[in-house]
Amino acid sequence: MKLVVTARCERRYFHTELVWYECEVTSRAHTVELAPRSDGARYRRVALALERGGELLLTSHEMGASLDDAEITLQIAPDQLARLALALVAERLAGGEDAVQTLAELCDEHGVDYRTACWT
């Protein structure tokens, strides 16, 4: 599995000066950018990461032209990921039509190993 090292820094404004006050380096096993960093008057970044300990971490960071700064993190424990996966796959396969083919294609698309068996 590819190791991605990212730096997470929080920002605070003091008048018109940008002051960096905390910076930590974290190691993540896999990160997916859902809304890449943007330039301009509004900054927005949303990323989903699978941590080395197996936790799933969703981070959202938004800053506007004003002094508002919102950074929200949602973390799901490794022992809860199977329940989440079941719920998400069930939503995707709702109705049951071509469910086996749809799930196999989804696994192929994302490099997930699977095994099929057929009895007639």
PDB file of N, CA and C in Angstrom:
ATOM      1  N   MET A   1       0.845  -1.179   0.000  1.00  0.00           N
ATOM      2  CA  MET A   1       0.000   0.000   0.000  1.00  0.00           C
ATOM      3  C   MET A   1       0.890   1.241   0.000  1.00  0.00           C
ATOM      4  N   LYS A   2       0.534   2.219  -0.781  1.00  0.00           N
ATOM      5  CA  LYS A   2       1.311   3.445  -0.906  1.00  0.00           C
ATOM      6  C   LYS A   2       1.170   4.303   0.356  1.00  0.00           C
ATOM      7  N   LEU A   3       2.270   4.825   0.840  1.00  0.00           N
ATOM      8  CA  LEU A   3       2.262   5.686   2.020  1.00  0.00           C
ATOM      9  C   LEU A   3       2.312   7.134   1.569  1.00  0.00           C
ATOM     10  N   VAL A   4       1.330   7.912   1.988  1.00  0.00           N
ATOM     11  CA  VAL A   4       1.270   9.327   1.652  1.00  0.00           C
ATOM     12  C   VAL A   4       1.504  10.124   2.919  1.00  0.00           C
ATOM     13  N   VAL A   5       2.441  11.034   2.895  1.00  0.00           N
ATOM     14  CA  VAL A   5       2.717  11.876   4.057  1.00  0.00           C
ATOM     15  C   VAL A   5       2.163  13.260   3.771  1.00  0.00           C
ATOM     16  N   THR A   6       1.316  13.746   4.658  1.00  0.00           N
ATOM     17  CA  THR A   6       0.715  15.056   4.487  1.00  0.00           C
ATOM     18  C   THR A   6       1.009  15.919   5.697  1.00  0.00           C
ATOM     19  N   ALA A   7       1.055  17.212   5.494  1.00  0.00           N
ATOM     20  CA  ALA A   7       1.235  18.147   6.602  1.00  0.00           C
ATOM     21  C   ALA A   7      -0.092  18.847   6.853  1.00  0.00           C
ATOM     22  N   ARG A   8      -0.477  18.938   8.107  1.00  0.00           N
ATOM     23  CA  ARG A   8      -1.722  19.603   8.476  1.00  0.00           C
ATOM     24  C   ARG A   8      -1.366  20.815   9.310  1.00  0.00           C
ATOM     25  N   CYS A   9      -1.723  21.962   8.829  1.00  0.00           N
ATOM     26  CA  CYS A   9      -1.401  23.191   9.550  1.00  0.00           C
ATOM     27  C   CYS A   9      -2.667  23.988   9.772  1.00  0.00           C
ATOM     28  N   GLU A  10      -2.830  24.506  10.953  1.00  0.00           N
ATOM     29  CA  GLU A  10      -3.964  25.369  11.249  1.00  0.00           C
ATOM     30  C   GLU A  10      -3.525  26.816  11.111  1.00  0.00           C
ATOM     31  N   ARG A  11      -4.458  27.680  10.723  1.00  0.00           N
ATOM     32  CA  ARG A  11      -4.123  29.083  10.473  1.00  0.00           C
ATOM     33  C   ARG A  11      -4.968  30.000  11.350  1.00  0.00           C
ATOM     34  N   ARG A  12      -4.386  31.093  11.734  1.00  0.00           N
ATOM     35  CA  ARG A  12      -5.113  32.136  12.459  1.00  0.00           C
ATOM     36  C   ARG A  12      -4.708  33.474  11.891  1.00  0.00           C
ATOM     37  N   TYR A  13      -5.656  34.386  11.858  1.00  0.00           N
ATOM     38  CA  TYR A  13      -5.378  35.718  11.342  1.00  0.00           C
ATOM     39  C   TYR A  13      -5.150  36.699  12.488  1.00  0.00           C
ATOM     40  N   PHE A  14      -4.175  37.548  12.331  1.00  0.00           N
ATOM     41  CA  PHE A  14      -3.927  38.630  13.266  1.00  0.00           C
ATOM     42  C   PHE A  14      -3.845  39.890  12.430  1.00  0.00           C
ATOM     43  N   HIS A  15      -4.880  40.669  12.458  1.00  0.00           N
ATOM     44  CA  HIS A  15      -5.034  41.826  11.560  1.00  0.00           C
ATOM     45  C   HIS A  15      -4.954  41.341  10.121  1.00  0.00           C
ATOM     46  N   THR A  16      -3.966  41.755   9.352  1.00  0.00           N
ATOM     47  CA  THR A  16      -3.856  41.293   7.971  1.00  0.00           C
ATOM     48  C   THR A  16      -2.722  40.284   7.802  1.00  0.00           C
ATOM     49  N   GLU A  17      -2.162  39.863   8.905  1.00  0.00           N
ATOM     50  CA  GLU A  17      -1.004  38.975   8.866  1.00  0.00           C
ATOM     51  C   GLU A  17      -1.433  37.532   9.122  1.00  0.00           C
ATOM     52  N   LEU A  18      -0.957  36.615   8.312  1.00  0.00           N
ATOM     53  CA  LEU A  18      -1.252  35.200   8.502  1.00  0.00           C
ATOM     54  C   LEU A  18      -0.173  34.605   9.408  1.00  0.00           C
ATOM     55  N   VAL A  19      -0.603  34.018  10.513  1.00  0.00           N
ATOM     56  CA  VAL A  19       0.335  33.466  11.483  1.00  0.00           C
ATOM     57  C   VAL A  19       0.129  31.955  11.551  1.00  0.00           C
ATOM     58  N   TRP A  20       1.175  31.192  11.307  1.00  0.00           N
ATOM     59  CA  TRP A  20       1.120  29.737  11.458  1.00  0.00           C
ATOM     60  C   TRP A  20       1.463  29.424  12.904  1.00  0.00           C
ATOM     61  N   TYR A  21       0.586  28.688  13.581  1.00  0.00           N
ATOM     62  CA  TYR A  21       0.893  28.419  14.977  1.00  0.00           C
ATOM     63  C   TYR A  21       0.999  26.934  15.293  1.00  0.00           C
ATOM     64  N   GLU A  22       0.582  26.066  14.400  1.00  0.00           N
ATOM     65  CA  GLU A  22       0.714  24.648  14.683  1.00  0.00           C
ATOM     66  C   GLU A  22       0.895  23.915  13.370  1.00  0.00           C
ATOM     67  N   CYS A  23       1.806  22.981  13.346  1.00  0.00           N
ATOM     68  CA  CYS A  23       2.025  22.199  12.147  1.00  0.00           C
ATOM     69  C   CYS A  23       2.495  20.821  12.561  1.00  0.00           C
ATOM     70  N   GLU A  24       1.756  19.786  12.159  1.00  0.00           N
ATOM     71  CA  GLU A  24       2.153  18.441  12.499  1.00  0.00           C
ATOM     72  C   GLU A  24       2.149  17.600  11.229  1.00  0.00           C
ATOM     73  N   VAL A  25       3.031  16.636  11.160  1.00  0.00           N
ATOM     74  CA  VAL A  25       3.093  15.745  10.007  1.00  0.00           C
ATOM     75  C   VAL A  25       2.436  14.431  10.407  1.00  0.00           C
ATOM     76  N   THR A  26       1.526  13.951   9.564  1.00  0.00           N
ATOM     77  CA  THR A  26       0.844  12.695   9.840  1.00  0.00           C
ATOM     78  C   THR A  26       1.079  11.737   8.681  1.00  0.00           C
ATOM     79  N   SER A  27       1.112  10.465   8.969  1.00  0.00           N
ATOM     80  CA  SER A  27       1.262   9.440   7.937  1.00  0.00           C
ATOM     81  C   SER A  27      -0.095   8.805   7.693  1.00  0.00           C
ATOM     82  N   ARG A  28      -0.444   8.702   6.423  1.00  0.00           N
ATOM     83  CA  ARG A  28      -1.712   8.095   6.043  1.00  0.00           C
ATOM     84  C   ARG A  28      -1.442   7.014   5.022  1.00  0.00           C
ATOM     85  N   ALA A  29      -2.163   5.912   5.131  1.00  0.00           N
ATOM     86  CA  ALA A  29      -1.977   4.812   4.209  1.00  0.00           C
ATOM     87  C   ALA A  29      -2.546   5.146   2.837  1.00  0.00           C
ATOM     88  N   HIS A  30      -3.664   5.866   2.787  1.00  0.00           N
ATOM     89  CA  HIS A  30      -4.290   6.190   1.508  1.00  0.00           C
ATOM     90  C   HIS A  30      -5.190   7.411   1.685  1.00  0.00           C
ATOM     91  N   THR A  31      -5.070   8.375   0.789  1.00  0.00           N
ATOM     92  CA  THR A  31      -5.885   9.588   0.852  1.00  0.00           C
ATOM     93  C   THR A  31      -6.522   9.852  -0.511  1.00  0.00           C
ATOM     94  N   VAL A  32      -7.805  10.228  -0.503  1.00  0.00           N
ATOM     95  CA  VAL A  32      -8.526  10.581  -1.718  1.00  0.00           C
ATOM     96  C   VAL A  32      -9.039  12.005  -1.563  1.00  0.00           C
ATOM     97  N   GLU A  33      -8.687  12.867  -2.503  1.00  0.00           N
ATOM     98  CA  GLU A  33      -9.181  14.249  -2.496  1.00  0.00           C
ATOM     99  C   GLU A  33     -10.584  14.262  -3.105  1.00  0.00           C
ATOM    100  N   LEU A  34     -11.592  14.611  -2.320  1.00  0.00           N
ATOM    101  CA  LEU A  34     -12.972  14.669  -2.808  1.00  0.00           C
ATOM    102  C   LEU A  34     -13.288  16.038  -3.405  1.00  0.00           C
ATOM    103  N   ALA A  35     -12.730  17.064  -2.838  1.00  0.00           N
ATOM    104  CA  ALA A  35     -12.836  18.431  -3.361  1.00  0.00           C
ATOM    105  C   ALA A  35     -11.454  19.038  -3.186  1.00  0.00           C
ATOM    106  N   PRO A  36     -10.629  18.999  -4.229  1.00  0.00           N
ATOM    107  CA  PRO A  36      -9.254  19.486  -4.104  1.00  0.00           C
ATOM    108  C   PRO A  36      -9.193  20.940  -3.652  1.00  0.00           C
ATOM    109  N   ARG A  37      -8.041  21.300  -3.142  1.00  0.00           N
ATOM    110  CA  ARG A  37      -7.817  22.676  -2.688  1.00  0.00           C
ATOM    111  C   ARG A  37      -8.139  23.640  -3.818  1.00  0.00           C
ATOM    112  N   SER A  38      -8.735  24.749  -3.452  1.00  0.00           N
ATOM    113  CA  SER A  38      -9.082  25.750  -4.459  1.00  0.00           C
ATOM    114  C   SER A  38      -8.384  27.068  -4.140  1.00  0.00           C
ATOM    115  N   ASP A  39      -8.189  27.847  -5.172  1.00  0.00           N
ATOM    116  CA  ASP A  39      -7.571  29.155  -5.012  1.00  0.00           C
ATOM    117  C   ASP A  39      -8.650  30.224  -5.087  1.00  0.00           C
ATOM    118  N   GLY A  40      -8.274  31.437  -4.783  1.00  0.00           N
ATOM    119  CA  GLY A  40      -9.218  32.532  -4.887  1.00  0.00           C
ATOM    120  C   GLY A  40      -9.694  33.002  -3.529  1.00  0.00           C
ATOM    121  N   ALA A  41     -10.841  33.674  -3.539  1.00  0.00           N
ATOM    122  CA  ALA A  41     -11.369  34.264  -2.314  1.00  0.00           C
ATOM    123  C   ALA A  41     -11.870  33.206  -1.342  1.00  0.00           C
ATOM    124  N   ARG A  42     -12.250  32.041  -1.859  1.00  0.00           N
ATOM    125  CA  ARG A  42     -12.777  30.991  -1.000  1.00  0.00           C
ATOM    126  C   ARG A  42     -11.912  29.743  -1.144  1.00  0.00           C
ATOM    127  N   TYR A  43     -11.507  29.187  -0.022  1.00  0.00           N
ATOM    128  CA  TYR A  43     -10.689  27.984   0.017  1.00  0.00           C
ATOM    129  C   TYR A  43     -11.534  26.848   0.543  1.00  0.00           C
ATOM    130  N   ARG A  44     -11.557  25.730  -0.186  1.00  0.00           N
ATOM    131  CA  ARG A  44     -12.315  24.571   0.276  1.00  0.00           C
ATOM    132  C   ARG A  44     -11.538  23.318  -0.081  1.00  0.00           C
ATOM    133  N   ARG A  45     -11.401  22.428   0.898  1.00  0.00           N
ATOM    134  CA  ARG A  45     -10.738  21.147   0.677  1.00  0.00           C
ATOM    135  C   ARG A  45     -11.483  20.073   1.458  1.00  0.00           C
ATOM    136  N   VAL A  46     -11.802  18.982   0.790  1.00  0.00           N
ATOM    137  CA  VAL A  46     -12.439  17.843   1.433  1.00  0.00           C
ATOM    138  C   VAL A  46     -11.635  16.609   1.045  1.00  0.00           C
ATOM    139  N   ALA A  47     -11.200  15.847   2.043  1.00  0.00           N
ATOM    140  CA  ALA A  47     -10.382  14.666   1.787  1.00  0.00           C
ATOM    141  C   ALA A  47     -10.854  13.497   2.652  1.00  0.00           C
ATOM    142  N   LEU A  48     -10.734  12.308   2.090  1.00  0.00           N
ATOM    143  CA  LEU A  48     -11.079  11.076   2.791  1.00  0.00           C
ATOM    144  C   LEU A  48      -9.805  10.257   2.899  1.00  0.00           C
ATOM    145  N   ALA A  49      -9.465   9.825   4.109  1.00  0.00           N
ATOM    146  CA  ALA A  49      -8.209   9.105   4.317  1.00  0.00           C
ATOM    147  C   ALA A  49      -8.443   7.832   5.114  1.00  0.00           C
ATOM    148  N   LEU A  50      -7.719   6.795   4.732  1.00  0.00           N
ATOM    149  CA  LEU A  50      -7.674   5.570   5.504  1.00  0.00           C
ATOM    150  C   LEU A  50      -6.373   5.631   6.295  1.00  0.00           C
ATOM    151  N   GLU A  51      -6.490   5.771   7.602  1.00  0.00           N
ATOM    152  CA  GLU A  51      -5.332   5.935   8.466  1.00  0.00           C
ATOM    153  C   GLU A  51      -4.588   4.611   8.625  1.00  0.00           C
ATOM    154  N   ARG A  52      -3.354   4.684   9.078  1.00  0.00           N
ATOM    155  CA  ARG A  52      -2.537   3.484   9.249  1.00  0.00           C
ATOM    156  C   ARG A  52      -3.144   2.527  10.266  1.00  0.00           C
ATOM    157  N   GLY A  53      -3.894   3.038  11.235  1.00  0.00           N
ATOM    158  CA  GLY A  53      -4.529   2.182  12.236  1.00  0.00           C
ATOM    159  C   GLY A  53      -5.858   1.606  11.770  1.00  0.00           C
ATOM    160  N   GLY A  54      -6.270   1.924  10.540  1.00  0.00           N
ATOM    161  CA  GLY A  54      -7.507   1.388   9.989  1.00  0.00           C
ATOM    162  C   GLY A  54      -8.702   2.310  10.110  1.00  0.00           C
ATOM    163  N   GLU A  55      -8.542   3.476  10.730  1.00  0.00           N
ATOM    164  CA  GLU A  55      -9.647   4.422  10.859  1.00  0.00           C
ATOM    165  C   GLU A  55      -9.898   5.116   9.521  1.00  0.00           C
ATOM    166  N   LEU A  56     -11.162   5.447   9.269  1.00  0.00           N
ATOM    167  CA  LEU A  56     -11.533   6.244   8.100  1.00  0.00           C
ATOM    168  C   LEU A  56     -11.733   7.670   8.587  1.00  0.00           C
ATOM    169  N   LEU A  57     -11.083   8.626   7.927  1.00  0.00           N
ATOM    170  CA  LEU A  57     -11.095  10.010   8.373  1.00  0.00           C
ATOM    171  C   LEU A  57     -11.550  10.920   7.238  1.00  0.00           C
ATOM    172  N   LEU A  58     -12.615  11.670   7.465  1.00  0.00           N
ATOM    173  CA  LEU A  58     -13.100  12.658   6.506  1.00  0.00           C
ATOM    174  C   LEU A  58     -12.788  14.031   7.074  1.00  0.00           C
ATOM    175  N   THR A  59     -12.063  14.840   6.312  1.00  0.00           N
ATOM    176  CA  THR A  59     -11.741  16.189   6.767  1.00  0.00           C
ATOM    177  C   THR A  59     -12.276  17.195   5.768  1.00  0.00           C
ATOM    178  N   SER A  60     -12.845  18.249   6.299  1.00  0.00           N
ATOM    179  CA  SER A  60     -13.370  19.343   5.493  1.00  0.00           C
ATOM    180  C   SER A  60     -12.807  20.638   6.057  1.00  0.00           C
ATOM    181  N   HIS A  61     -12.214  21.439   5.188  1.00  0.00           N
ATOM    182  CA  HIS A  61     -11.625  22.699   5.621  1.00  0.00           C
ATOM    183  C   HIS A  61     -12.101  23.789   4.672  1.00  0.00           C
ATOM    184  N   GLU A  62     -12.774  24.789   5.214  1.00  0.00           N
ATOM    185  CA  GLU A  62     -13.284  25.894   4.409  1.00  0.00           C
ATOM    186  C   GLU A  62     -12.874  27.215   5.024  1.00  0.00           C
ATOM    187  N   MET A  63     -12.441  28.129   4.169  1.00  0.00           N
ATOM    188  CA  MET A  63     -12.121  29.495   4.578  1.00  0.00           C
ATOM    189  C   MET A  63     -12.710  30.425   3.527  1.00  0.00           C
ATOM    190  N   GLY A  64     -13.240  31.534   3.990  1.00  0.00           N
ATOM    191  CA  GLY A  64     -13.797  32.503   3.059  1.00  0.00           C
ATOM    192  C   GLY A  64     -12.990  33.772   3.039  1.00  0.00           C
ATOM    193  N   ALA A  65     -13.516  34.746   2.324  1.00  0.00           N
ATOM    194  CA  ALA A  65     -12.855  36.045   2.253  1.00  0.00           C
ATOM    195  C   ALA A  65     -12.885  36.732   3.616  1.00  0.00           C
ATOM    196  N   SER A  66     -13.861  36.359   4.444  1.00  0.00           N
ATOM    197  CA  SER A  66     -13.917  36.915   5.801  1.00  0.00           C
ATOM    198  C   SER A  66     -12.917  36.167   6.683  1.00  0.00           C
ATOM    199  N   LEU A  67     -12.938  36.379   7.951  1.00  0.00           N
ATOM    200  CA  LEU A  67     -12.015  35.721   8.874  1.00  0.00           C
ATOM    201  C   LEU A  67     -12.502  34.352   9.327  1.00  0.00           C
ATOM    202  N   ASP A  68     -13.665  33.915   8.816  1.00  0.00           N
ATOM    203  CA  ASP A  68     -14.193  32.615   9.209  1.00  0.00           C
ATOM    204  C   ASP A  68     -13.296  31.497   8.713  1.00  0.00           C
ATOM    205  N   ASP A  69     -13.107  30.505   9.562  1.00  0.00           N
ATOM    206  CA  ASP A  69     -12.299  29.346   9.219  1.00  0.00           C
ATOM    207  C   ASP A  69     -12.945  28.145   9.890  1.00  0.00           C
ATOM    208  N   ALA A  70     -13.396  27.179   9.097  1.00  0.00           N
ATOM    209  CA  ALA A  70     -14.036  25.999   9.661  1.00  0.00           C
ATOM    210  C   ALA A  70     -13.311  24.750   9.197  1.00  0.00           C
ATOM    211  N   GLU A  71     -12.841  23.962  10.157  1.00  0.00           N
ATOM    212  CA  GLU A  71     -12.227  22.685   9.851  1.00  0.00           C
ATOM    213  C   GLU A  71     -12.951  21.624  10.665  1.00  0.00           C
ATOM    214  N   ILE A  72     -13.551  20.666   9.951  1.00  0.00           N
ATOM    215  CA  ILE A  72     -14.347  19.628  10.594  1.00  0.00           C
ATOM    216  C   ILE A  72     -13.746  18.274  10.235  1.00  0.00           C
ATOM    217  N   THR A  73     -13.656  17.406  11.230  1.00  0.00           N
ATOM    218  CA  THR A  73     -13.131  16.062  11.026  1.00  0.00           C
ATOM    219  C   THR A  73     -14.155  15.056  11.531  1.00  0.00           C
ATOM    220  N   LEU A  74     -14.415  14.023  10.725  1.00  0.00           N
ATOM    221  CA  LEU A  74     -15.285  12.924  11.121  1.00  0.00           C
ATOM    222  C   LEU A  74     -14.453  11.659  11.037  1.00  0.00           C
ATOM    223  N   GLN A  75     -14.373  10.911  12.134  1.00  0.00           N
ATOM    224  CA  GLN A  75     -13.551   9.708  12.183  1.00  0.00           C
ATOM    225  C   GLN A  75     -14.417   8.502  12.485  1.00  0.00           C
ATOM    226  N   ILE A  76     -14.209   7.423  11.717  1.00  0.00           N
ATOM    227  CA  ILE A  76     -14.943   6.178  11.926  1.00  0.00           C
ATOM    228  C   ILE A  76     -13.938   5.108  12.334  1.00  0.00           C
ATOM    229  N   ALA A  77     -14.215   4.444  13.444  1.00  0.00           N
ATOM    230  CA  ALA A  77     -13.320   3.415  13.984  1.00  0.00           C
ATOM    231  C   ALA A  77     -13.278   2.207  13.044  1.00  0.00           C
ATOM    232  N   PRO A  78     -12.133   1.510  13.016  1.00  0.00           N
ATOM    233  CA  PRO A  78     -11.985   0.357  12.125  1.00  0.00           C
ATOM    234  C   PRO A  78     -13.075  -0.707  12.308  1.00  0.00           C
ATOM    235  N   ASP A  79     -13.503  -0.923  13.546  1.00  0.00           N
ATOM    236  CA  ASP A  79     -14.514  -1.955  13.782  1.00  0.00           C
ATOM    237  C   ASP A  79     -15.909  -1.556  13.313  1.00  0.00           C
ATOM    238  N   GLN A  80     -16.090  -0.303  12.881  1.00  0.00           N
ATOM    239  CA  GLN A  80     -17.381   0.157  12.371  1.00  0.00           C
ATOM    240  C   GLN A  80     -17.418   0.237  10.842  1.00  0.00           C
ATOM    241  N   LEU A  81     -16.267   0.068  10.191  1.00  0.00           N
ATOM    242  CA  LEU A  81     -16.202   0.215   8.736  1.00  0.00           C
ATOM    243  C   LEU A  81     -16.997  -0.853   7.987  1.00  0.00           C
ATOM    244  N   ALA A  82     -17.035  -2.073   8.498  1.00  0.00           N
ATOM    245  CA  ALA A  82     -17.800  -3.129   7.832  1.00  0.00           C
ATOM    246  C   ALA A  82     -19.294  -2.790   7.822  1.00  0.00           C
ATOM    247  N   ARG A  83     -19.807  -2.242   8.921  1.00  0.00           N
ATOM    248  CA  ARG A  83     -21.220  -1.831   8.964  1.00  0.00           C
ATOM    249  C   ARG A  83     -21.502  -0.725   7.960  1.00  0.00           C
ATOM    250  N   LEU A  84     -20.584   0.233   7.863  1.00  0.00           N
ATOM    251  CA  LEU A  84     -20.736   1.318   6.899  1.00  0.00           C
ATOM    252  C   LEU A  84     -20.678   0.783   5.475  1.00  0.00           C
ATOM    253  N   ALA A  85     -19.728  -0.113   5.204  1.00  0.00           N
ATOM    254  CA  ALA A  85     -19.606  -0.704   3.867  1.00  0.00           C
ATOM    255  C   ALA A  85     -20.883  -1.450   3.492  1.00  0.00           C
ATOM    256  N   LEU A  86     -21.443  -2.203   4.420  1.00  0.00           N
ATOM    257  CA  LEU A  86     -22.683  -2.925   4.161  1.00  0.00           C
ATOM    258  C   LEU A  86     -23.815  -1.960   3.793  1.00  0.00           C
ATOM    259  N   ALA A  87     -23.954  -0.878   4.545  1.00  0.00           N
ATOM    260  CA  ALA A  87     -25.013   0.100   4.279  1.00  0.00           C
ATOM    261  C   ALA A  87     -24.823   0.770   2.918  1.00  0.00           C
ATOM    262  N   LEU A  88     -23.592   1.158   2.590  1.00  0.00           N
ATOM    263  CA  LEU A  88     -23.330   1.840   1.319  1.00  0.00           C
ATOM    264  C   LEU A  88     -23.522   0.925   0.119  1.00  0.00           C
ATOM    265  N   VAL A  89     -23.046  -0.320   0.233  1.00  0.00           N
ATOM    266  CA  VAL A  89     -23.219  -1.264  -0.872  1.00  0.00           C
ATOM    267  C   VAL A  89     -24.695  -1.619  -1.036  1.00  0.00           C
ATOM    268  N   ALA A  90     -25.420  -1.775   0.066  1.00  0.00           N
ATOM    269  CA  ALA A  90     -26.855  -2.063  -0.008  1.00  0.00           C
ATOM    270  C   ALA A  90     -27.601  -0.941  -0.728  1.00  0.00           C
ATOM    271  N   GLU A  91     -27.228   0.308  -0.451  1.00  0.00           N
ATOM    272  CA  GLU A  91     -27.850   1.439  -1.159  1.00  0.00           C
ATOM    273  C   GLU A  91     -27.557   1.377  -2.649  1.00  0.00           C
ATOM    274  N   ARG A  92     -26.326   1.053  -2.994  1.00  0.00           N
ATOM    275  CA  ARG A  92     -25.913   0.995  -4.404  1.00  0.00           C
ATOM    276  C   ARG A  92     -26.612  -0.135  -5.147  1.00  0.00           C
ATOM    277  N   LEU A  93     -26.871  -1.248  -4.457  1.00  0.00           N
ATOM    278  CA  LEU A  93     -27.475  -2.424  -5.092  1.00  0.00           C
ATOM    279  C   LEU A  93     -28.977  -2.512  -4.878  1.00  0.00           C
ATOM    280  N   ALA A  94     -29.581  -1.483  -4.319  1.00  0.00           N
ATOM    281  CA  ALA A  94     -31.016  -1.489  -4.022  1.00  0.00           C
ATOM    282  C   ALA A  94     -31.814  -1.866  -5.273  1.00  0.00           C
ATOM    283  N   GLY A  95     -32.806  -2.701  -5.086  1.00  0.00           N
ATOM    284  CA  GLY A  95     -33.634  -3.167  -6.193  1.00  0.00           C
ATOM    285  C   GLY A  95     -33.198  -4.535  -6.675  1.00  0.00           C
ATOM    286  N   GLY A  96     -31.942  -4.878  -6.473  1.00  0.00           N
ATOM    287  CA  GLY A  96     -31.449  -6.215  -6.777  1.00  0.00           C
ATOM    288  C   GLY A  96     -31.175  -6.523  -8.234  1.00  0.00           C
ATOM    289  N   GLU A  97     -31.578  -5.653  -9.147  1.00  0.00           N
ATOM    290  CA  GLU A  97     -31.363  -5.934 -10.568  1.00  0.00           C
ATOM    291  C   GLU A  97     -29.874  -5.859 -10.903  1.00  0.00           C
ATOM    292  N   ASP A  98     -29.357  -6.934 -11.475  1.00  0.00           N
ATOM    293  CA  ASP A  98     -27.936  -7.029 -11.836  1.00  0.00           C
ATOM    294  C   ASP A  98     -27.006  -6.759 -10.657  1.00  0.00           C
ATOM    295  N   ALA A  99     -27.421  -7.147  -9.461  1.00  0.00           N
ATOM    296  CA  ALA A  99     -26.648  -6.858  -8.251  1.00  0.00           C
ATOM    297  C   ALA A  99     -25.263  -7.510  -8.286  1.00  0.00           C
ATOM    298  N   VAL A 100     -25.187  -8.775  -8.731  1.00  0.00           N
ATOM    299  CA  VAL A 100     -23.893  -9.465  -8.752  1.00  0.00           C
ATOM    300  C   VAL A 100     -22.951  -8.782  -9.739  1.00  0.00           C
ATOM    301  N   GLN A 101     -23.457  -8.489 -10.927  1.00  0.00           N
ATOM    302  CA  GLN A 101     -22.636  -7.825 -11.940  1.00  0.00           C
ATOM    303  C   GLN A 101     -22.219  -6.430 -11.481  1.00  0.00           C
ATOM    304  N   THR A 102     -23.135  -5.682 -10.877  1.00  0.00           N
ATOM    305  CA  THR A 102     -22.837  -4.328 -10.406  1.00  0.00           C
ATOM    306  C   THR A 102     -21.759  -4.347  -9.326  1.00  0.00           C
ATOM    307  N   LEU A 103     -21.876  -5.289  -8.369  1.00  0.00           N
ATOM    308  CA  LEU A 103     -20.874  -5.369  -7.301  1.00  0.00           C
ATOM    309  C   LEU A 103     -19.523  -5.813  -7.862  1.00  0.00           C
ATOM    310  N   ALA A 104     -19.522  -6.757  -8.790  1.00  0.00           N
ATOM    311  CA  ALA A 104     -18.264  -7.205  -9.400  1.00  0.00           C
ATOM    312  C   ALA A 104     -17.595  -6.058 -10.156  1.00  0.00           C
ATOM    313  N   GLU A 105     -18.370  -5.275 -10.890  1.00  0.00           N
ATOM    314  CA  GLU A 105     -17.819  -4.128 -11.626  1.00  0.00           C
ATOM    315  C   GLU A 105     -17.263  -3.077 -10.669  1.00  0.00           C
ATOM    316  N   LEU A 106     -17.961  -2.848  -9.570  1.00  0.00           N
ATOM    317  CA  LEU A 106     -17.491  -1.892  -8.568  1.00  0.00           C
ATOM    318  C   LEU A 106     -16.162  -2.357  -7.967  1.00  0.00           C
ATOM    319  N   CYS A 107     -16.072  -3.653  -7.669  1.00  0.00           N
ATOM    320  CA  CYS A 107     -14.814  -4.200  -7.129  1.00  0.00           C
ATOM    321  C   CYS A 107     -13.694  -4.071  -8.150  1.00  0.00           C
ATOM    322  N   ASP A 108     -13.982  -4.401  -9.409  1.00  0.00           N
ATOM    323  CA  ASP A 108     -12.966  -4.281 -10.464  1.00  0.00           C
ATOM    324  C   ASP A 108     -12.493  -2.841 -10.604  1.00  0.00           C
ATOM    325  N   GLU A 109     -13.434  -1.916 -10.574  1.00  0.00           N
ATOM    326  CA  GLU A 109     -13.123  -0.492 -10.745  1.00  0.00           C
ATOM    327  C   GLU A 109     -12.179   0.017  -9.661  1.00  0.00           C
ATOM    328  N   HIS A 110     -12.286  -0.545  -8.460  1.00  0.00           N
ATOM    329  CA  HIS A 110     -11.496  -0.046  -7.332  1.00  0.00           C
ATOM    330  C   HIS A 110     -10.403  -1.015  -6.880  1.00  0.00           C
ATOM    331  N   GLY A 111     -10.142  -2.032  -7.681  1.00  0.00           N
ATOM    332  CA  GLY A 111      -9.052  -2.955  -7.362  1.00  0.00           C
ATOM    333  C   GLY A 111      -9.294  -3.807  -6.136  1.00  0.00           C
ATOM    334  N   VAL A 112     -10.555  -4.159  -5.878  1.00  0.00           N
ATOM    335  CA  VAL A 112     -10.902  -4.982  -4.721  1.00  0.00           C
ATOM    336  C   VAL A 112     -11.000  -6.438  -5.173  1.00  0.00           C
ATOM    337  N   ASP A 113     -10.265  -7.325  -4.495  1.00  0.00           N
ATOM    338  CA  ASP A 113     -10.321  -8.758  -4.828  1.00  0.00           C
ATOM    339  C   ASP A 113     -11.643  -9.337  -4.349  1.00  0.00           C
ATOM    340  N   TYR A 114     -12.191 -10.261  -5.146  1.00  0.00           N
ATOM    341  CA  TYR A 114     -13.426 -10.931  -4.775  1.00  0.00           C
ATOM    342  C   TYR A 114     -13.446 -12.310  -5.417  1.00  0.00           C
ATOM    343  N   ARG A 115     -14.376 -13.138  -4.981  1.00  0.00           N
ATOM    344  CA  ARG A 115     -14.536 -14.479  -5.529  1.00  0.00           C
ATOM    345  C   ARG A 115     -16.006 -14.702  -5.794  1.00  0.00           C
ATOM    346  N   THR A 116     -16.333 -15.271  -6.944  1.00  0.00           N
ATOM    347  CA  THR A 116     -17.725 -15.582  -7.249  1.00  0.00           C
ATOM    348  C   THR A 116     -17.882 -17.093  -7.377  1.00  0.00           C
ATOM    349  N   ALA A 117     -19.062 -17.566  -7.059  1.00  0.00           N
ATOM    350  CA  ALA A 117     -19.408 -18.982  -7.216  1.00  0.00           C
ATOM    351  C   ALA A 117     -20.811 -19.044  -7.781  1.00  0.00           C
ATOM    352  N   CYS A 118     -21.057 -20.050  -8.615  1.00  0.00           N
ATOM    353  CA  CYS A 118     -22.369 -20.182  -9.252  1.00  0.00           C
ATOM    354  C   CYS A 118     -22.793 -21.644  -9.217  1.00  0.00           C
ATOM    355  N   TRP A 119     -23.978 -21.897  -8.721  1.00  0.00           N
ATOM    356  CA  TRP A 119     -24.537 -23.236  -8.707  1.00  0.00           C
ATOM    357  C   TRP A 119     -25.782 -23.243  -9.590  1.00  0.00           C
ATOM    358  N   THR A 120     -25.892 -24.226 -10.448  1.00  0.00           N
ATOM    359  CA  THR A 120     -27.090 -24.330 -11.311  1.00  0.00           C
ATOM    360  C   THR A 120     -27.767 -25.653 -11.126  1.00  0.00           C
TER     361      THR A 120
END
